[in-house]
Amino acid sequence: MDAIQFLKQEHQKAKSAFEKLLAAAPAKRGALWDELRPELRAHEKIEEQCLYGPIARDGAASDPALSEWVSDRHQDEVHEVEGLIKETASLDPEDGRWLATVRQIKAALENHIRQEEQDIFPRIGQIWDRSRLEEAGREMEQGKSEKAGRRG
């Protein structure tokens, strides 16, 4: 599976996990969040190590919009979400403020995913050929399976 397919699949899993979390009874939310939160962090690490870091070195400069995304916007969005995630740690999952914060995280991630899938991924497909995308996809799958192995 190539890197873009891998990330799209991960995006779908995250969207489903948020829907399940937001539909859960208040007493169940904390446990679901404890499962989702490390997945979000792992996704970001894999994305940075296997996609955006290499893209920055391989030729994002040839596409000004992609270069701006890699160097600025992506990191700004990541920091925004990380701040919201930290905020949830000081709130009770059964509290409405916690739920509102998680809804903000979900909305920010949905916007981020939409930008990636509609604009950024096609641009990456113009810079990287099929074999490079597949190599990055293998690296992502390996990184995810290593993380799963450490968890188990």
N, C-alpha and C. Protein backbone atom coordinates (compact mmCIF):
# COMPACT_ATOMS: atom_id res chain seq x y z
N MET A 1 0.85 -1.17 0.00
CA MET A 1 0.00 0.00 0.00
C MET A 1 0.90 1.24 0.00
N ASP A 2 0.55 2.21 -0.82
CA ASP A 2 1.40 3.40 -0.85
C ASP A 2 1.05 4.33 0.31
N ALA A 3 1.90 5.33 0.54
CA ALA A 3 1.78 6.21 1.69
C ALA A 3 0.43 6.94 1.72
N ILE A 4 -0.02 7.39 0.58
CA ILE A 4 -1.27 8.13 0.54
C ILE A 4 -2.45 7.22 0.87
N GLN A 5 -2.45 6.02 0.31
CA GLN A 5 -3.52 5.06 0.65
C GLN A 5 -3.50 4.74 2.14
N PHE A 6 -2.29 4.53 2.68
CA PHE A 6 -2.15 4.22 4.10
C PHE A 6 -2.75 5.34 4.95
N LEU A 7 -2.38 6.58 4.64
CA LEU A 7 -2.86 7.70 5.44
C LEU A 7 -4.37 7.90 5.31
N LYS A 8 -4.90 7.70 4.12
CA LYS A 8 -6.35 7.80 3.95
C LYS A 8 -7.07 6.75 4.79
N GLN A 9 -6.52 5.56 4.82
CA GLN A 9 -7.09 4.48 5.64
C GLN A 9 -7.03 4.86 7.14
N GLU A 10 -5.92 5.43 7.56
CA GLU A 10 -5.78 5.87 8.94
C GLU A 10 -6.75 7.00 9.25
N HIS A 11 -6.97 7.89 8.30
CA HIS A 11 -7.92 8.98 8.49
C HIS A 11 -9.32 8.42 8.73
N GLN A 12 -9.70 7.41 7.96
CA GLN A 12 -11.02 6.81 8.14
C GLN A 12 -11.15 6.18 9.52
N LYS A 13 -10.11 5.51 9.98
CA LYS A 13 -10.13 4.91 11.31
C LYS A 13 -10.30 5.98 12.39
N ALA A 14 -9.59 7.09 12.23
CA ALA A 14 -9.70 8.17 13.22
C ALA A 14 -11.11 8.77 13.22
N LYS A 15 -11.67 9.00 12.05
CA LYS A 15 -13.02 9.54 11.97
C LYS A 15 -14.01 8.61 12.66
N SER A 16 -13.89 7.31 12.42
CA SER A 16 -14.78 6.33 13.05
C SER A 16 -14.60 6.32 14.56
N ALA A 17 -13.36 6.41 15.01
CA ALA A 17 -13.09 6.40 16.45
C ALA A 17 -13.70 7.63 17.12
N PHE A 18 -13.62 8.79 16.46
CA PHE A 18 -14.24 9.99 17.02
C PHE A 18 -15.75 9.85 17.08
N GLU A 19 -16.35 9.29 16.04
CA GLU A 19 -17.81 9.09 16.05
C GLU A 19 -18.22 8.18 17.21
N LYS A 20 -17.49 7.10 17.39
CA LYS A 20 -17.77 6.17 18.49
C LYS A 20 -17.61 6.88 19.84
N LEU A 21 -16.54 7.64 19.99
CA LEU A 21 -16.28 8.37 21.22
C LEU A 21 -17.39 9.37 21.53
N LEU A 22 -17.76 10.15 20.54
CA LEU A 22 -18.77 11.18 20.76
C LEU A 22 -20.16 10.62 20.99
N ALA A 23 -20.41 9.41 20.53
CA ALA A 23 -21.71 8.77 20.73
C ALA A 23 -21.76 7.97 22.03
N ALA A 24 -20.62 7.79 22.67
CA ALA A 24 -20.55 6.94 23.86
C ALA A 24 -21.18 7.61 25.07
N ALA A 25 -21.58 6.78 25.99
CA ALA A 25 -22.07 7.27 27.27
C ALA A 25 -20.93 8.00 27.98
N PRO A 26 -21.25 9.04 28.75
CA PRO A 26 -20.20 9.81 29.42
C PRO A 26 -19.21 8.95 30.21
N ALA A 27 -19.66 7.91 30.85
CA ALA A 27 -18.78 7.07 31.66
C ALA A 27 -17.78 6.27 30.81
N LYS A 28 -18.06 6.11 29.53
CA LYS A 28 -17.19 5.33 28.64
C LYS A 28 -16.20 6.20 27.86
N ARG A 29 -16.43 7.49 27.82
CA ARG A 29 -15.62 8.39 27.00
C ARG A 29 -14.14 8.38 27.36
N GLY A 30 -13.84 8.37 28.63
CA GLY A 30 -12.44 8.42 29.06
C GLY A 30 -11.64 7.25 28.53
N ALA A 31 -12.20 6.05 28.62
CA ALA A 31 -11.50 4.86 28.14
C ALA A 31 -11.31 4.91 26.63
N LEU A 32 -12.32 5.37 25.91
CA LEU A 32 -12.20 5.48 24.45
C LEU A 32 -11.16 6.53 24.07
N TRP A 33 -11.12 7.62 24.80
CA TRP A 33 -10.13 8.67 24.55
C TRP A 33 -8.72 8.15 24.84
N ASP A 34 -8.60 7.34 25.88
CA ASP A 34 -7.29 6.76 26.22
C ASP A 34 -6.77 5.84 25.12
N GLU A 35 -7.67 5.26 24.34
CA GLU A 35 -7.29 4.43 23.19
C GLU A 35 -6.95 5.31 21.97
N LEU A 36 -7.73 6.35 21.76
CA LEU A 36 -7.58 7.18 20.56
C LEU A 36 -6.38 8.13 20.64
N ARG A 37 -6.17 8.72 21.78
CA ARG A 37 -5.11 9.73 21.92
C ARG A 37 -3.74 9.23 21.47
N PRO A 38 -3.27 8.06 21.91
CA PRO A 38 -1.96 7.61 21.43
C PRO A 38 -1.95 7.28 19.93
N GLU A 39 -3.08 6.90 19.39
CA GLU A 39 -3.18 6.64 17.95
C GLU A 39 -2.97 7.94 17.17
N LEU A 40 -3.54 9.02 17.67
CA LEU A 40 -3.37 10.32 17.01
C LEU A 40 -1.91 10.75 17.04
N ARG A 41 -1.27 10.57 18.18
CA ARG A 41 0.15 10.94 18.29
C ARG A 41 1.01 10.06 17.37
N ALA A 42 0.73 8.78 17.34
CA ALA A 42 1.50 7.87 16.49
C ALA A 42 1.32 8.23 15.02
N HIS A 43 0.10 8.58 14.64
CA HIS A 43 -0.18 8.98 13.25
C HIS A 43 0.69 10.18 12.88
N GLU A 44 0.73 11.16 13.76
CA GLU A 44 1.51 12.36 13.48
C GLU A 44 3.00 12.03 13.34
N LYS A 45 3.51 11.18 14.21
CA LYS A 45 4.94 10.82 14.14
C LYS A 45 5.25 10.08 12.84
N ILE A 46 4.41 9.14 12.48
CA ILE A 46 4.61 8.38 11.24
C ILE A 46 4.53 9.30 10.03
N GLU A 47 3.55 10.19 10.05
CA GLU A 47 3.37 11.13 8.94
C GLU A 47 4.60 12.02 8.78
N GLU A 48 5.12 12.51 9.90
CA GLU A 48 6.28 13.40 9.86
C GLU A 48 7.54 12.64 9.41
N GLN A 49 7.77 11.47 9.98
CA GLN A 49 8.98 10.71 9.67
C GLN A 49 8.99 10.16 8.25
N CYS A 50 7.85 9.69 7.80
CA CYS A 50 7.81 8.96 6.53
C CYS A 50 7.30 9.79 5.34
N LEU A 51 6.66 10.91 5.61
CA LEU A 51 6.09 11.68 4.50
C LEU A 51 6.61 13.13 4.49
N TYR A 52 6.21 13.91 5.48
CA TYR A 52 6.52 15.33 5.40
C TYR A 52 8.00 15.65 5.58
N GLY A 53 8.70 14.95 6.44
CA GLY A 53 10.15 15.15 6.55
C GLY A 53 10.85 14.87 5.23
N PRO A 54 10.65 13.67 4.66
CA PRO A 54 11.27 13.38 3.36
C PRO A 54 10.82 14.29 2.23
N ILE A 55 9.54 14.67 2.22
CA ILE A 55 9.06 15.58 1.17
C ILE A 55 9.79 16.92 1.26
N ALA A 56 10.02 17.39 2.47
CA ALA A 56 10.74 18.66 2.64
C ALA A 56 12.15 18.56 2.05
N ARG A 57 12.77 17.39 2.16
CA ARG A 57 14.12 17.20 1.61
C ARG A 57 14.10 16.90 0.12
N ASP A 58 13.02 16.25 -0.36
CA ASP A 58 12.98 15.74 -1.74
C ASP A 58 12.45 16.69 -2.79
N GLY A 59 11.91 17.81 -2.40
CA GLY A 59 11.44 18.65 -3.49
C GLY A 59 10.19 19.43 -3.25
N ALA A 60 9.81 19.64 -2.00
CA ALA A 60 8.64 20.48 -1.76
C ALA A 60 8.86 21.88 -2.30
N ALA A 61 10.13 22.30 -2.38
CA ALA A 61 10.43 23.65 -2.86
C ALA A 61 9.96 23.87 -4.29
N SER A 62 9.83 22.80 -5.06
CA SER A 62 9.37 22.93 -6.44
C SER A 62 7.87 23.24 -6.52
N ASP A 63 7.15 23.11 -5.39
CA ASP A 63 5.72 23.40 -5.33
C ASP A 63 5.52 24.35 -4.15
N PRO A 64 5.35 25.65 -4.41
CA PRO A 64 5.24 26.62 -3.31
C PRO A 64 4.11 26.31 -2.31
N ALA A 65 2.97 25.85 -2.78
CA ALA A 65 1.86 25.54 -1.87
C ALA A 65 2.23 24.36 -0.96
N LEU A 66 2.87 23.35 -1.53
CA LEU A 66 3.29 22.20 -0.74
C LEU A 66 4.39 22.60 0.24
N SER A 67 5.31 23.42 -0.22
CA SER A 67 6.39 23.89 0.65
C SER A 67 5.83 24.65 1.86
N GLU A 68 4.87 25.51 1.62
CA GLU A 68 4.25 26.29 2.70
C GLU A 68 3.52 25.35 3.67
N TRP A 69 2.85 24.34 3.15
CA TRP A 69 2.13 23.37 3.99
C TRP A 69 3.13 22.63 4.88
N VAL A 70 4.19 22.11 4.27
CA VAL A 70 5.16 21.31 5.01
C VAL A 70 5.89 22.14 6.05
N SER A 71 6.28 23.36 5.69
CA SER A 71 7.11 24.15 6.59
C SER A 71 6.31 24.92 7.64
N ASP A 72 5.06 25.25 7.35
CA ASP A 72 4.31 26.11 8.28
C ASP A 72 2.95 25.55 8.70
N ARG A 73 2.06 25.45 7.76
CA ARG A 73 0.66 25.14 8.09
C ARG A 73 0.48 23.82 8.81
N HIS A 74 1.15 22.79 8.33
CA HIS A 74 1.01 21.48 8.95
C HIS A 74 1.41 21.55 10.42
N GLN A 75 2.56 22.14 10.69
CA GLN A 75 3.03 22.23 12.08
C GLN A 75 2.11 23.10 12.93
N ASP A 76 1.59 24.18 12.37
CA ASP A 76 0.66 25.03 13.12
C ASP A 76 -0.58 24.24 13.52
N GLU A 77 -1.10 23.45 12.59
CA GLU A 77 -2.29 22.66 12.88
C GLU A 77 -1.99 21.57 13.91
N VAL A 78 -0.83 20.96 13.79
CA VAL A 78 -0.43 19.94 14.77
C VAL A 78 -0.34 20.56 16.17
N HIS A 79 0.28 21.73 16.27
CA HIS A 79 0.41 22.39 17.58
C HIS A 79 -0.96 22.76 18.15
N GLU A 80 -1.86 23.19 17.30
CA GLU A 80 -3.21 23.52 17.76
C GLU A 80 -3.88 22.29 18.37
N VAL A 81 -3.82 21.18 17.67
CA VAL A 81 -4.45 19.96 18.16
C VAL A 81 -3.75 19.45 19.42
N GLU A 82 -2.43 19.51 19.44
CA GLU A 82 -1.70 19.07 20.63
C GLU A 82 -2.11 19.90 21.85
N GLY A 83 -2.29 21.20 21.66
CA GLY A 83 -2.74 22.05 22.77
C GLY A 83 -4.12 21.64 23.27
N LEU A 84 -5.01 21.34 22.35
CA LEU A 84 -6.35 20.89 22.74
C LEU A 84 -6.29 19.53 23.44
N ILE A 85 -5.44 18.65 22.95
CA ILE A 85 -5.29 17.34 23.60
C ILE A 85 -4.79 17.52 25.03
N LYS A 86 -3.82 18.39 25.23
CA LYS A 86 -3.32 18.66 26.59
C LYS A 86 -4.43 19.21 27.47
N GLU A 87 -5.28 20.04 26.89
CA GLU A 87 -6.39 20.62 27.64
C GLU A 87 -7.32 19.54 28.17
N THR A 88 -7.52 18.48 27.40
CA THR A 88 -8.43 17.41 27.85
C THR A 88 -7.90 16.72 29.11
N ALA A 89 -6.59 16.74 29.31
CA ALA A 89 -6.02 16.06 30.48
C ALA A 89 -6.47 16.69 31.79
N SER A 90 -6.82 17.97 31.77
CA SER A 90 -7.24 18.65 33.00
C SER A 90 -8.75 18.66 33.18
N LEU A 91 -9.45 17.99 32.29
CA LEU A 91 -10.91 17.97 32.36
C LEU A 91 -11.43 16.55 32.58
N ASP A 92 -12.62 16.46 33.13
CA ASP A 92 -13.28 15.19 33.37
C ASP A 92 -14.04 14.78 32.10
N PRO A 93 -13.78 13.55 31.59
CA PRO A 93 -14.48 13.11 30.37
C PRO A 93 -16.00 13.12 30.48
N GLU A 94 -16.53 13.19 31.68
CA GLU A 94 -17.98 13.24 31.84
C GLU A 94 -18.50 14.68 31.86
N ASP A 95 -17.58 15.64 31.78
CA ASP A 95 -17.91 17.06 31.82
C ASP A 95 -18.17 17.59 30.40
N GLY A 96 -19.08 18.51 30.28
CA GLY A 96 -19.40 19.10 28.98
C GLY A 96 -18.24 19.86 28.37
N ARG A 97 -17.38 20.46 29.20
CA ARG A 97 -16.22 21.18 28.67
C ARG A 97 -15.24 20.21 27.99
N TRP A 98 -15.09 19.03 28.57
CA TRP A 98 -14.22 18.01 27.96
C TRP A 98 -14.78 17.63 26.59
N LEU A 99 -16.08 17.38 26.55
CA LEU A 99 -16.73 16.99 25.30
C LEU A 99 -16.59 18.10 24.25
N ALA A 100 -16.74 19.33 24.66
CA ALA A 100 -16.59 20.45 23.72
C ALA A 100 -15.16 20.51 23.19
N THR A 101 -14.18 20.25 24.03
CA THR A 101 -12.78 20.26 23.60
C THR A 101 -12.51 19.14 22.61
N VAL A 102 -13.05 17.96 22.88
CA VAL A 102 -12.87 16.84 21.96
C VAL A 102 -13.56 17.13 20.63
N ARG A 103 -14.68 17.80 20.67
CA ARG A 103 -15.35 18.20 19.42
C ARG A 103 -14.49 19.19 18.64
N GLN A 104 -13.78 20.08 19.33
CA GLN A 104 -12.86 21.00 18.67
C GLN A 104 -11.72 20.23 18.01
N ILE A 105 -11.20 19.23 18.70
CA ILE A 105 -10.13 18.39 18.15
C ILE A 105 -10.62 17.71 16.89
N LYS A 106 -11.79 17.13 16.98
CA LYS A 106 -12.37 16.42 15.83
C LYS A 106 -12.54 17.37 14.65
N ALA A 107 -13.07 18.56 14.89
CA ALA A 107 -13.29 19.53 13.81
C ALA A 107 -11.95 19.96 13.19
N ALA A 108 -10.95 20.21 14.03
CA ALA A 108 -9.64 20.61 13.51
C ALA A 108 -9.03 19.49 12.68
N LEU A 109 -9.16 18.26 13.15
CA LEU A 109 -8.61 17.13 12.39
C LEU A 109 -9.37 16.89 11.10
N GLU A 110 -10.68 17.07 11.12
CA GLU A 110 -11.45 16.91 9.88
C GLU A 110 -11.01 17.93 8.84
N ASN A 111 -10.78 19.15 9.26
CA ASN A 111 -10.30 20.19 8.35
C ASN A 111 -8.91 19.83 7.82
N HIS A 112 -8.05 19.39 8.69
CA HIS A 112 -6.69 18.97 8.32
C HIS A 112 -6.74 17.81 7.31
N ILE A 113 -7.56 16.84 7.58
CA ILE A 113 -7.71 15.67 6.69
C ILE A 113 -8.22 16.12 5.32
N ARG A 114 -9.21 16.98 5.33
CA ARG A 114 -9.77 17.47 4.06
C ARG A 114 -8.68 18.17 3.23
N GLN A 115 -7.89 19.03 3.87
CA GLN A 115 -6.82 19.72 3.16
C GLN A 115 -5.80 18.72 2.61
N GLU A 116 -5.41 17.76 3.44
CA GLU A 116 -4.44 16.77 2.98
C GLU A 116 -4.98 15.99 1.79
N GLU A 117 -6.17 15.45 1.93
CA GLU A 117 -6.69 14.55 0.91
C GLU A 117 -7.07 15.27 -0.38
N GLN A 118 -7.54 16.50 -0.29
CA GLN A 118 -7.97 17.21 -1.50
C GLN A 118 -6.85 17.99 -2.18
N ASP A 119 -5.89 18.48 -1.42
CA ASP A 119 -4.87 19.34 -2.01
C ASP A 119 -3.45 18.80 -1.86
N ILE A 120 -3.08 18.41 -0.66
CA ILE A 120 -1.69 18.06 -0.39
C ILE A 120 -1.30 16.71 -0.98
N PHE A 121 -2.10 15.69 -0.77
CA PHE A 121 -1.75 14.37 -1.31
C PHE A 121 -1.61 14.37 -2.83
N PRO A 122 -2.51 15.03 -3.57
CA PRO A 122 -2.29 15.09 -5.03
C PRO A 122 -0.97 15.79 -5.39
N ARG A 123 -0.59 16.80 -4.65
CA ARG A 123 0.68 17.49 -4.91
C ARG A 123 1.87 16.56 -4.64
N ILE A 124 1.77 15.79 -3.57
CA ILE A 124 2.84 14.83 -3.27
C ILE A 124 2.93 13.80 -4.39
N GLY A 125 1.79 13.39 -4.91
CA GLY A 125 1.77 12.44 -6.03
C GLY A 125 2.43 12.98 -7.29
N GLN A 126 2.55 14.29 -7.38
CA GLN A 126 3.25 14.90 -8.51
C GLN A 126 4.76 14.92 -8.30
N ILE A 127 5.19 14.92 -7.06
CA ILE A 127 6.62 14.98 -6.74
C ILE A 127 7.23 13.59 -6.62
N TRP A 128 6.51 12.69 -5.96
CA TRP A 128 7.03 11.33 -5.76
C TRP A 128 6.41 10.39 -6.78
N ASP A 129 7.24 9.49 -7.31
CA ASP A 129 6.71 8.48 -8.21
C ASP A 129 6.13 7.33 -7.39
N ARG A 130 5.54 6.40 -8.09
CA ARG A 130 4.84 5.27 -7.46
C ARG A 130 5.75 4.49 -6.51
N SER A 131 6.98 4.22 -6.93
CA SER A 131 7.87 3.41 -6.09
C SER A 131 8.23 4.15 -4.80
N ARG A 132 8.39 5.47 -4.86
CA ARG A 132 8.71 6.23 -3.65
C ARG A 132 7.51 6.27 -2.72
N LEU A 133 6.32 6.41 -3.27
CA LEU A 133 5.10 6.38 -2.45
C LEU A 133 4.93 5.01 -1.78
N GLU A 134 5.23 3.95 -2.52
CA GLU A 134 5.12 2.60 -1.95
C GLU A 134 6.17 2.37 -0.87
N GLU A 135 7.37 2.87 -1.09
CA GLU A 135 8.42 2.75 -0.07
C GLU A 135 7.98 3.45 1.22
N ALA A 136 7.47 4.66 1.09
CA ALA A 136 6.99 5.40 2.27
C ALA A 136 5.83 4.66 2.94
N GLY A 137 4.97 4.05 2.14
CA GLY A 137 3.85 3.28 2.69
C GLY A 137 4.34 2.09 3.50
N ARG A 138 5.36 1.41 3.00
CA ARG A 138 5.94 0.29 3.76
C ARG A 138 6.54 0.77 5.07
N GLU A 139 7.22 1.92 5.02
CA GLU A 139 7.80 2.48 6.25
C GLU A 139 6.69 2.81 7.26
N MET A 140 5.59 3.34 6.78
CA MET A 140 4.47 3.68 7.66
C MET A 140 3.86 2.43 8.27
N GLU A 141 3.65 1.41 7.45
CA GLU A 141 3.08 0.16 7.97
C GLU A 141 4.01 -0.45 9.00
N GLN A 142 5.31 -0.42 8.74
CA GLN A 142 6.29 -0.95 9.68
C GLN A 142 6.26 -0.15 10.98
N GLY A 143 6.24 1.16 10.89
CA GLY A 143 6.18 2.01 12.08
C GLY A 143 4.93 1.74 12.90
N LYS A 144 3.82 1.55 12.23
CA LYS A 144 2.57 1.27 12.95
C LYS A 144 2.62 -0.11 13.61
N SER A 145 3.15 -1.11 12.93
CA SER A 145 3.21 -2.45 13.51
C SER A 145 4.20 -2.49 14.67
N GLU A 146 5.29 -1.72 14.59
CA GLU A 146 6.23 -1.65 15.71
C GLU A 146 5.57 -1.03 16.92
N LYS A 147 4.79 0.00 16.70
CA LYS A 147 4.08 0.66 17.80
C LYS A 147 3.07 -0.31 18.42
N ALA A 148 2.37 -1.04 17.59
CA ALA A 148 1.40 -2.00 18.08
C ALA A 148 2.08 -3.11 18.88
N GLY A 149 3.25 -3.52 18.43
CA GLY A 149 4.00 -4.56 19.13
C GLY A 149 4.43 -4.11 20.52
N ARG A 150 4.82 -2.86 20.64
CA ARG A 150 5.23 -2.32 21.94
C ARG A 150 4.05 -2.19 22.87
N ARG A 151 2.87 -1.94 22.32
CA ARG A 151 1.67 -1.77 23.13
C ARG A 151 1.19 -3.10 23.67
N GLY A 152 1.33 -4.14 22.85
CA GLY A 152 0.77 -5.44 23.19
C GLY A 152 1.53 -6.13 24.19
